[in-house]
Amino acid sequence: YPSSVIMNAMPAHVAGVKEIIMVV
């Protein structure tokens, strides 16, 4: 689900979160 990556990571990025750690 690449769409789930975008939907979860992008708002964090916009908010200014410095580190976004993904597990898959």
mmCIF file of all heavy atoms, coordinates in Angstrom:
data_MODEL
# 
_entry.id   MODEL 
# 
loop_
_atom_site.group_PDB 
_atom_site.id 
_atom_site.type_symbol 
_atom_site.label_atom_id 
_atom_site.label_alt_id 
_atom_site.label_comp_id 
_atom_site.label_asym_id 
_atom_site.label_entity_id 
_atom_site.label_seq_id 
_atom_site.pdbx_PDB_ins_code 
_atom_site.Cartn_x 
_atom_site.Cartn_y 
_atom_site.Cartn_z 
_atom_site.occupancy 
_atom_site.B_iso_or_equiv 
_atom_site.pdbx_formal_charge 
_atom_site.auth_seq_id 
_atom_site.auth_comp_id 
_atom_site.auth_asym_id 
_atom_site.auth_atom_id 
_atom_site.pdbx_PDB_model_num 
ATOM 1   N N   . TYR A 1 1  ? 0.816  -1.201 0.000  1.00 0.00 ? 1  TYR A N   1 
ATOM 2   C CA  . TYR A 1 1  ? 0.000  0.000  0.000  1.00 0.00 ? 1  TYR A CA  1 
ATOM 3   C C   . TYR A 1 1  ? 0.859  1.263  0.000  1.00 0.00 ? 1  TYR A C   1 
ATOM 4   O O   . TYR A 1 1  ? 1.043  1.901  1.043  1.00 0.00 ? 1  TYR A O   1 
ATOM 5   C CB  . TYR A 1 1  ? -0.936 0.011  1.208  1.00 0.00 ? 1  TYR A CB  1 
ATOM 6   C CG  . TYR A 1 1  ? -1.947 -1.108 1.207  1.00 0.00 ? 1  TYR A CG  1 
ATOM 7   C CD1 . TYR A 1 1  ? -1.913 -2.108 2.176  1.00 0.00 ? 1  TYR A CD1 1 
ATOM 8   C CD2 . TYR A 1 1  ? -2.936 -1.164 0.233  1.00 0.00 ? 1  TYR A CD2 1 
ATOM 9   C CE1 . TYR A 1 1  ? -2.846 -3.136 2.177  1.00 0.00 ? 1  TYR A CE1 1 
ATOM 10  C CE2 . TYR A 1 1  ? -3.868 -2.198 0.219  1.00 0.00 ? 1  TYR A CE2 1 
ATOM 11  C CZ  . TYR A 1 1  ? -3.821 -3.174 1.209  1.00 0.00 ? 1  TYR A CZ  1 
ATOM 12  O OH  . TYR A 1 1  ? -4.735 -4.193 1.192  1.00 0.00 ? 1  TYR A OH  1 
ATOM 13  N N   . PRO A 1 2  ? 1.381  1.649  -1.161 1.00 0.00 ? 2  PRO A N   1 
ATOM 14  C CA  . PRO A 1 2  ? 2.153  2.897  -1.207 1.00 0.00 ? 2  PRO A CA  1 
ATOM 15  C C   . PRO A 1 2  ? 1.307  4.100  -0.803 1.00 0.00 ? 2  PRO A C   1 
ATOM 16  O O   . PRO A 1 2  ? 1.829  5.075  -0.260 1.00 0.00 ? 2  PRO A O   1 
ATOM 17  C CB  . PRO A 1 2  ? 2.599  2.990  -2.667 1.00 0.00 ? 2  PRO A CB  1 
ATOM 18  C CG  . PRO A 1 2  ? 1.661  2.100  -3.425 1.00 0.00 ? 2  PRO A CG  1 
ATOM 19  C CD  . PRO A 1 2  ? 1.317  0.997  -2.479 1.00 0.00 ? 2  PRO A CD  1 
ATOM 20  N N   . SER A 1 3  ? 0.003  4.031  -1.054 1.00 0.00 ? 3  SER A N   1 
ATOM 21  C CA  . SER A 1 3  ? -0.864 5.148  -0.667 1.00 0.00 ? 3  SER A CA  1 
ATOM 22  C C   . SER A 1 3  ? -0.867 5.347  0.843  1.00 0.00 ? 3  SER A C   1 
ATOM 23  O O   . SER A 1 3  ? -0.935 6.483  1.331  1.00 0.00 ? 3  SER A O   1 
ATOM 24  C CB  . SER A 1 3  ? -2.296 4.902  -1.164 1.00 0.00 ? 3  SER A CB  1 
ATOM 25  O OG  . SER A 1 3  ? -2.814 3.688  -0.658 1.00 0.00 ? 3  SER A OG  1 
ATOM 26  N N   . SER A 1 4  ? -0.777 4.257  1.614  1.00 0.00 ? 4  SER A N   1 
ATOM 27  C CA  . SER A 1 4  ? -0.729 4.384  3.072  1.00 0.00 ? 4  SER A CA  1 
ATOM 28  C C   . SER A 1 4  ? 0.546  5.069  3.531  1.00 0.00 ? 4  SER A C   1 
ATOM 29  O O   . SER A 1 4  ? 0.550  5.799  4.529  1.00 0.00 ? 4  SER A O   1 
ATOM 30  C CB  . SER A 1 4  ? -0.837 3.000  3.724  1.00 0.00 ? 4  SER A CB  1 
ATOM 31  O OG  . SER A 1 4  ? -2.153 2.498  3.614  1.00 0.00 ? 4  SER A OG  1 
ATOM 32  N N   . VAL A 1 5  ? 1.642  4.826  2.814  1.00 0.00 ? 5  VAL A N   1 
ATOM 33  C CA  . VAL A 1 5  ? 2.896  5.511  3.146  1.00 0.00 ? 5  VAL A CA  1 
ATOM 34  C C   . VAL A 1 5  ? 2.708  7.017  3.012  1.00 0.00 ? 5  VAL A C   1 
ATOM 35  O O   . VAL A 1 5  ? 3.035  7.796  3.918  1.00 0.00 ? 5  VAL A O   1 
ATOM 36  C CB  . VAL A 1 5  ? 4.041  5.040  2.226  1.00 0.00 ? 5  VAL A CB  1 
ATOM 37  C CG1 . VAL A 1 5  ? 5.332  5.775  2.575  1.00 0.00 ? 5  VAL A CG1 1 
ATOM 38  C CG2 . VAL A 1 5  ? 4.239  3.535  2.318  1.00 0.00 ? 5  VAL A CG2 1 
ATOM 39  N N   . ILE A 1 6  ? 2.173  7.441  1.888  1.00 0.00 ? 6  ILE A N   1 
ATOM 40  C CA  . ILE A 1 6  ? 1.986  8.871  1.629  1.00 0.00 ? 6  ILE A CA  1 
ATOM 41  C C   . ILE A 1 6  ? 1.021  9.485  2.628  1.00 0.00 ? 6  ILE A C   1 
ATOM 42  O O   . ILE A 1 6  ? 1.278  10.566 3.182  1.00 0.00 ? 6  ILE A O   1 
ATOM 43  C CB  . ILE A 1 6  ? 1.485  9.083  0.185  1.00 0.00 ? 6  ILE A CB  1 
ATOM 44  C CG1 . ILE A 1 6  ? 2.589  8.699  -0.805 1.00 0.00 ? 6  ILE A CG1 1 
ATOM 45  C CG2 . ILE A 1 6  ? 1.042  10.528 -0.038 1.00 0.00 ? 6  ILE A CG2 1 
ATOM 46  C CD1 . ILE A 1 6  ? 2.147  8.667  -2.252 1.00 0.00 ? 6  ILE A CD1 1 
ATOM 47  N N   . MET A 1 7  ? -0.094 8.797  2.899  1.00 0.00 ? 7  MET A N   1 
ATOM 48  C CA  . MET A 1 7  ? -1.114 9.351  3.789  1.00 0.00 ? 7  MET A CA  1 
ATOM 49  C C   . MET A 1 7  ? -0.644 9.466  5.229  1.00 0.00 ? 7  MET A C   1 
ATOM 50  O O   . MET A 1 7  ? -1.096 10.338 5.971  1.00 0.00 ? 7  MET A O   1 
ATOM 51  C CB  . MET A 1 7  ? -2.382 8.492  3.732  1.00 0.00 ? 7  MET A CB  1 
ATOM 52  C CG  . MET A 1 7  ? -3.067 8.505  2.388  1.00 0.00 ? 7  MET A CG  1 
ATOM 53  S SD  . MET A 1 7  ? -3.754 10.139 1.994  1.00 0.00 ? 7  MET A SD  1 
ATOM 54  C CE  . MET A 1 7  ? -4.473 9.822  0.370  1.00 0.00 ? 7  MET A CE  1 
ATOM 55  N N   . ASN A 1 8  ? 0.257  8.602  5.656  1.00 0.00 ? 8  ASN A N   1 
ATOM 56  C CA  . ASN A 1 8  ? 0.763  8.670  7.028  1.00 0.00 ? 8  ASN A CA  1 
ATOM 57  C C   . ASN A 1 8  ? 1.989  9.560  7.156  1.00 0.00 ? 8  ASN A C   1 
ATOM 58  O O   . ASN A 1 8  ? 2.130  10.291 8.142  1.00 0.00 ? 8  ASN A O   1 
ATOM 59  C CB  . ASN A 1 8  ? 1.089  7.261  7.537  1.00 0.00 ? 8  ASN A CB  1 
ATOM 60  C CG  . ASN A 1 8  ? -0.140 6.489  7.952  1.00 0.00 ? 8  ASN A CG  1 
ATOM 61  O OD1 . ASN A 1 8  ? -0.577 6.566  9.091  1.00 0.00 ? 8  ASN A OD1 1 
ATOM 62  N ND2 . ASN A 1 8  ? -0.717 5.747  7.025  1.00 0.00 ? 8  ASN A ND2 1 
ATOM 63  N N   . ALA A 1 9  ? 2.873  9.511  6.164  1.00 0.00 ? 9  ALA A N   1 
ATOM 64  C CA  . ALA A 1 9  ? 4.125  10.256 6.283  1.00 0.00 ? 9  ALA A CA  1 
ATOM 65  C C   . ALA A 1 9  ? 3.982  11.726 5.920  1.00 0.00 ? 9  ALA A C   1 
ATOM 66  O O   . ALA A 1 9  ? 4.610  12.591 6.546  1.00 0.00 ? 9  ALA A O   1 
ATOM 67  C CB  . ALA A 1 9  ? 5.200  9.611  5.408  1.00 0.00 ? 9  ALA A CB  1 
ATOM 68  N N   . MET A 1 10 ? 3.170  12.040 4.920  1.00 0.00 ? 10 MET A N   1 
ATOM 69  C CA  . MET A 1 10 ? 3.118  13.411 4.428  1.00 0.00 ? 10 MET A CA  1 
ATOM 70  C C   . MET A 1 10 ? 2.603  14.407 5.469  1.00 0.00 ? 10 MET A C   1 
ATOM 71  O O   . MET A 1 10 ? 3.186  15.482 5.642  1.00 0.00 ? 10 MET A O   1 
ATOM 72  C CB  . MET A 1 10 ? 2.310  13.493 3.137  1.00 0.00 ? 10 MET A CB  1 
ATOM 73  C CG  . MET A 1 10 ? 2.478  14.831 2.412  1.00 0.00 ? 10 MET A CG  1 
ATOM 74  S SD  . MET A 1 10 ? 4.220  15.271 2.114  1.00 0.00 ? 10 MET A SD  1 
ATOM 75  C CE  . MET A 1 10 ? 4.607  14.198 0.725  1.00 0.00 ? 10 MET A CE  1 
ATOM 76  N N   . PRO A 1 11 ? 1.510  14.112 6.193  1.00 0.00 ? 11 PRO A N   1 
ATOM 77  C CA  . PRO A 1 11 ? 1.096  15.077 7.215  1.00 0.00 ? 11 PRO A CA  1 
ATOM 78  C C   . PRO A 1 11 ? 2.127  15.249 8.319  1.00 0.00 ? 11 PRO A C   1 
ATOM 79  O O   . PRO A 1 11 ? 2.258  16.347 8.884  1.00 0.00 ? 11 PRO A O   1 
ATOM 80  C CB  . PRO A 1 11 ? -0.217 14.504 7.748  1.00 0.00 ? 11 PRO A CB  1 
ATOM 81  C CG  . PRO A 1 11 ? -0.273 13.105 7.289  1.00 0.00 ? 11 PRO A CG  1 
ATOM 82  C CD  . PRO A 1 11 ? 0.531  13.029 6.033  1.00 0.00 ? 11 PRO A CD  1 
ATOM 83  N N   . ALA A 1 12 ? 2.871  14.189 8.639  1.00 0.00 ? 12 ALA A N   1 
ATOM 84  C CA  . ALA A 1 12 ? 3.943  14.318 9.629  1.00 0.00 ? 12 ALA A CA  1 
ATOM 85  C C   . ALA A 1 12 ? 5.035  15.240 9.099  1.00 0.00 ? 12 ALA A C   1 
ATOM 86  O O   . ALA A 1 12 ? 5.562  16.096 9.821  1.00 0.00 ? 12 ALA A O   1 
ATOM 87  C CB  . ALA A 1 12 ? 4.520  12.944 9.961  1.00 0.00 ? 12 ALA A CB  1 
ATOM 88  N N   . HIS A 1 13 ? 5.355  15.062 7.832  1.00 0.00 ? 13 HIS A N   1 
ATOM 89  C CA  . HIS A 1 13 ? 6.353  15.919 7.193  1.00 0.00 ? 13 HIS A CA  1 
ATOM 90  C C   . HIS A 1 13 ? 5.902  17.380 7.192  1.00 0.00 ? 13 HIS A C   1 
ATOM 91  O O   . HIS A 1 13 ? 6.672  18.288 7.532  1.00 0.00 ? 13 HIS A O   1 
ATOM 92  C CB  . HIS A 1 13 ? 6.579  15.420 5.762  1.00 0.00 ? 13 HIS A CB  1 
ATOM 93  C CG  . HIS A 1 13 ? 7.546  16.229 4.961  1.00 0.00 ? 13 HIS A CG  1 
ATOM 94  N ND1 . HIS A 1 13 ? 8.910  16.195 5.188  1.00 0.00 ? 13 HIS A ND1 1 
ATOM 95  C CD2 . HIS A 1 13 ? 7.360  17.107 3.947  1.00 0.00 ? 13 HIS A CD2 1 
ATOM 96  C CE1 . HIS A 1 13 ? 9.504  17.018 4.339  1.00 0.00 ? 13 HIS A CE1 1 
ATOM 97  N NE2 . HIS A 1 13 ? 8.578  17.580 3.578  1.00 0.00 ? 13 HIS A NE2 1 
ATOM 98  N N   . VAL A 1 14 ? 4.640  17.610 6.844  1.00 0.00 ? 14 VAL A N   1 
ATOM 99  C CA  . VAL A 1 14 ? 4.094  18.972 6.824  1.00 0.00 ? 14 VAL A CA  1 
ATOM 100 C C   . VAL A 1 14 ? 4.105  19.586 8.222  1.00 0.00 ? 14 VAL A C   1 
ATOM 101 O O   . VAL A 1 14 ? 4.387  20.779 8.390  1.00 0.00 ? 14 VAL A O   1 
ATOM 102 C CB  . VAL A 1 14 ? 2.662  18.958 6.250  1.00 0.00 ? 14 VAL A CB  1 
ATOM 103 C CG1 . VAL A 1 14 ? 1.968  20.306 6.470  1.00 0.00 ? 14 VAL A CG1 1 
ATOM 104 C CG2 . VAL A 1 14 ? 2.693  18.618 4.761  1.00 0.00 ? 14 VAL A CG2 1 
ATOM 105 N N   . ALA A 1 15 ? 3.828  18.767 9.235  1.00 0.00 ? 15 ALA A N   1 
ATOM 106 C CA  . ALA A 1 15 ? 3.791  19.264 10.605 1.00 0.00 ? 15 ALA A CA  1 
ATOM 107 C C   . ALA A 1 15 ? 5.156  19.695 11.111 1.00 0.00 ? 15 ALA A C   1 
ATOM 108 O O   . ALA A 1 15 ? 5.257  20.449 12.084 1.00 0.00 ? 15 ALA A O   1 
ATOM 109 C CB  . ALA A 1 15 ? 3.212  18.193 11.530 1.00 0.00 ? 15 ALA A CB  1 
ATOM 110 N N   . GLY A 1 16 ? 6.211  19.214 10.455 1.00 0.00 ? 16 GLY A N   1 
ATOM 111 C CA  . GLY A 1 16 ? 7.557  19.572 10.874 1.00 0.00 ? 16 GLY A CA  1 
ATOM 112 C C   . GLY A 1 16 ? 8.263  18.505 11.693 1.00 0.00 ? 16 GLY A C   1 
ATOM 113 O O   . GLY A 1 16 ? 9.288  18.781 12.335 1.00 0.00 ? 16 GLY A O   1 
ATOM 114 N N   . VAL A 1 17 ? 7.729  17.272 11.676 1.00 0.00 ? 17 VAL A N   1 
ATOM 115 C CA  . VAL A 1 17 ? 8.382  16.170 12.387 1.00 0.00 ? 17 VAL A CA  1 
ATOM 116 C C   . VAL A 1 17 ? 9.762  15.927 11.780 1.00 0.00 ? 17 VAL A C   1 
ATOM 117 O O   . VAL A 1 17 ? 9.893  15.795 10.565 1.00 0.00 ? 17 VAL A O   1 
ATOM 118 C CB  . VAL A 1 17 ? 7.525  14.898 12.311 1.00 0.00 ? 17 VAL A CB  1 
ATOM 119 C CG1 . VAL A 1 17 ? 8.243  13.719 12.957 1.00 0.00 ? 17 VAL A CG1 1 
ATOM 120 C CG2 . VAL A 1 17 ? 6.168  15.128 12.968 1.00 0.00 ? 17 VAL A CG2 1 
ATOM 121 N N   . LYS A 1 18 ? 10.774 15.884 12.628 1.00 0.00 ? 18 LYS A N   1 
ATOM 122 C CA  . LYS A 1 18 ? 12.151 15.771 12.133 1.00 0.00 ? 18 LYS A CA  1 
ATOM 123 C C   . LYS A 1 18 ? 12.517 14.363 11.684 1.00 0.00 ? 18 LYS A C   1 
ATOM 124 O O   . LYS A 1 18 ? 13.289 14.180 10.746 1.00 0.00 ? 18 LYS A O   1 
ATOM 125 C CB  . LYS A 1 18 ? 13.138 16.216 13.228 1.00 0.00 ? 18 LYS A CB  1 
ATOM 126 C CG  . LYS A 1 18 ? 12.980 17.675 13.642 1.00 0.00 ? 18 LYS A CG  1 
ATOM 127 C CD  . LYS A 1 18 ? 13.214 18.617 12.474 1.00 0.00 ? 18 LYS A CD  1 
ATOM 128 C CE  . LYS A 1 18 ? 13.111 20.072 12.905 1.00 0.00 ? 18 LYS A CE  1 
ATOM 129 N NZ  . LYS A 1 18 ? 13.197 21.007 11.745 1.00 0.00 ? 18 LYS A NZ  1 
ATOM 130 N N   . GLU A 1 19 ? 11.978 13.349 12.378 1.00 0.00 ? 19 GLU A N   1 
ATOM 131 C CA  . GLU A 1 19 ? 12.308 11.967 12.029 1.00 0.00 ? 19 GLU A CA  1 
ATOM 132 C C   . GLU A 1 19 ? 11.032 11.160 11.820 1.00 0.00 ? 19 GLU A C   1 
ATOM 133 O O   . GLU A 1 19 ? 10.177 11.115 12.713 1.00 0.00 ? 19 GLU A O   1 
ATOM 134 C CB  . GLU A 1 19 ? 13.135 11.305 13.123 1.00 0.00 ? 19 GLU A CB  1 
ATOM 135 C CG  . GLU A 1 19 ? 14.572 11.776 13.215 1.00 0.00 ? 19 GLU A CG  1 
ATOM 136 C CD  . GLU A 1 19 ? 15.351 10.950 14.231 1.00 0.00 ? 19 GLU A CD  1 
ATOM 137 O OE1 . GLU A 1 19 ? 15.693 9.791  13.906 1.00 0.00 ? 19 GLU A OE1 1 
ATOM 138 O OE2 . GLU A 1 19 ? 15.588 11.451 15.335 1.00 0.00 ? 19 GLU A OE2 1 
ATOM 139 N N   . ILE A 1 20 ? 10.914 10.548 10.663 1.00 0.00 ? 20 ILE A N   1 
ATOM 140 C CA  . ILE A 1 20 ? 9.784  9.673  10.350 1.00 0.00 ? 20 ILE A CA  1 
ATOM 141 C C   . ILE A 1 20 ? 10.339 8.282  10.104 1.00 0.00 ? 20 ILE A C   1 
ATOM 142 O O   . ILE A 1 20 ? 11.025 8.037  9.103  1.00 0.00 ? 20 ILE A O   1 
ATOM 143 C CB  . ILE A 1 20 ? 9.014  10.180 9.119  1.00 0.00 ? 20 ILE A CB  1 
ATOM 144 C CG1 . ILE A 1 20 ? 8.542  11.626 9.334  1.00 0.00 ? 20 ILE A CG1 1 
ATOM 145 C CG2 . ILE A 1 20 ? 7.822  9.271  8.827  1.00 0.00 ? 20 ILE A CG2 1 
ATOM 146 C CD1 . ILE A 1 20 ? 7.927  12.263 8.101  1.00 0.00 ? 20 ILE A CD1 1 
ATOM 147 N N   . ILE A 1 21 ? 10.088 7.378  11.041 1.00 0.00 ? 21 ILE A N   1 
ATOM 148 C CA  . ILE A 1 21 ? 10.612 6.017  10.966 1.00 0.00 ? 21 ILE A CA  1 
ATOM 149 C C   . ILE A 1 21 ? 9.516  5.098  10.462 1.00 0.00 ? 21 ILE A C   1 
ATOM 150 O O   . ILE A 1 21 ? 8.429  5.036  11.039 1.00 0.00 ? 21 ILE A O   1 
ATOM 151 C CB  . ILE A 1 21 ? 11.093 5.534  12.355 1.00 0.00 ? 21 ILE A CB  1 
ATOM 152 C CG1 . ILE A 1 21 ? 12.038 6.557  12.998 1.00 0.00 ? 21 ILE A CG1 1 
ATOM 153 C CG2 . ILE A 1 21 ? 11.737 4.159  12.240 1.00 0.00 ? 21 ILE A CG2 1 
ATOM 154 C CD1 . ILE A 1 21 ? 13.297 6.813  12.221 1.00 0.00 ? 21 ILE A CD1 1 
ATOM 155 N N   . MET A 1 22 ? 9.780  4.388  9.405  1.00 0.00 ? 22 MET A N   1 
ATOM 156 C CA  . MET A 1 22 ? 8.790  3.482  8.831  1.00 0.00 ? 22 MET A CA  1 
ATOM 157 C C   . MET A 1 22 ? 9.182  2.038  9.085  1.00 0.00 ? 22 MET A C   1 
ATOM 158 O O   . MET A 1 22 ? 10.352 1.676  8.976  1.00 0.00 ? 22 MET A O   1 
ATOM 159 C CB  . MET A 1 22 ? 8.667  3.723  7.320  1.00 0.00 ? 22 MET A CB  1 
ATOM 160 C CG  . MET A 1 22 ? 7.582  2.902  6.634  1.00 0.00 ? 22 MET A CG  1 
ATOM 161 S SD  . MET A 1 22 ? 7.415  3.390  4.881  1.00 0.00 ? 22 MET A SD  1 
ATOM 162 C CE  . MET A 1 22 ? 8.103  1.966  4.052  1.00 0.00 ? 22 MET A CE  1 
ATOM 163 N N   . VAL A 1 23 ? 8.195  1.227  9.450  1.00 0.00 ? 23 VAL A N   1 
ATOM 164 C CA  . VAL A 1 23 ? 8.413  -0.222 9.555  1.00 0.00 ? 23 VAL A CA  1 
ATOM 165 C C   . VAL A 1 23 ? 7.500  -0.901 8.542  1.00 0.00 ? 23 VAL A C   1 
ATOM 166 O O   . VAL A 1 23 ? 6.343  -0.532 8.380  1.00 0.00 ? 23 VAL A O   1 
ATOM 167 C CB  . VAL A 1 23 ? 8.137  -0.755 10.977 1.00 0.00 ? 23 VAL A CB  1 
ATOM 168 C CG1 . VAL A 1 23 ? 9.160  -0.206 11.951 1.00 0.00 ? 23 VAL A CG1 1 
ATOM 169 C CG2 . VAL A 1 23 ? 6.729  -0.411 11.453 1.00 0.00 ? 23 VAL A CG2 1 
ATOM 170 N N   . VAL A 1 24 ? 8.034  -1.876 7.841  1.00 0.00 ? 24 VAL A N   1 
ATOM 171 C CA  . VAL A 1 24 ? 7.261  -2.604 6.835  1.00 0.00 ? 24 VAL A CA  1 
ATOM 172 C C   . VAL A 1 24 ? 7.790  -4.033 6.760  1.00 0.00 ? 24 VAL A C   1 
ATOM 173 O O   . VAL A 1 24 ? 8.989  -4.250 6.578  1.00 0.00 ? 24 VAL A O   1 
ATOM 174 C CB  . VAL A 1 24 ? 7.344  -1.913 5.453  1.00 0.00 ? 24 VAL A CB  1 
ATOM 175 C CG1 . VAL A 1 24 ? 8.786  -1.729 4.994  1.00 0.00 ? 24 VAL A CG1 1 
ATOM 176 C CG2 . VAL A 1 24 ? 6.539  -2.680 4.412  1.00 0.00 ? 24 VAL A CG2 1 
# 
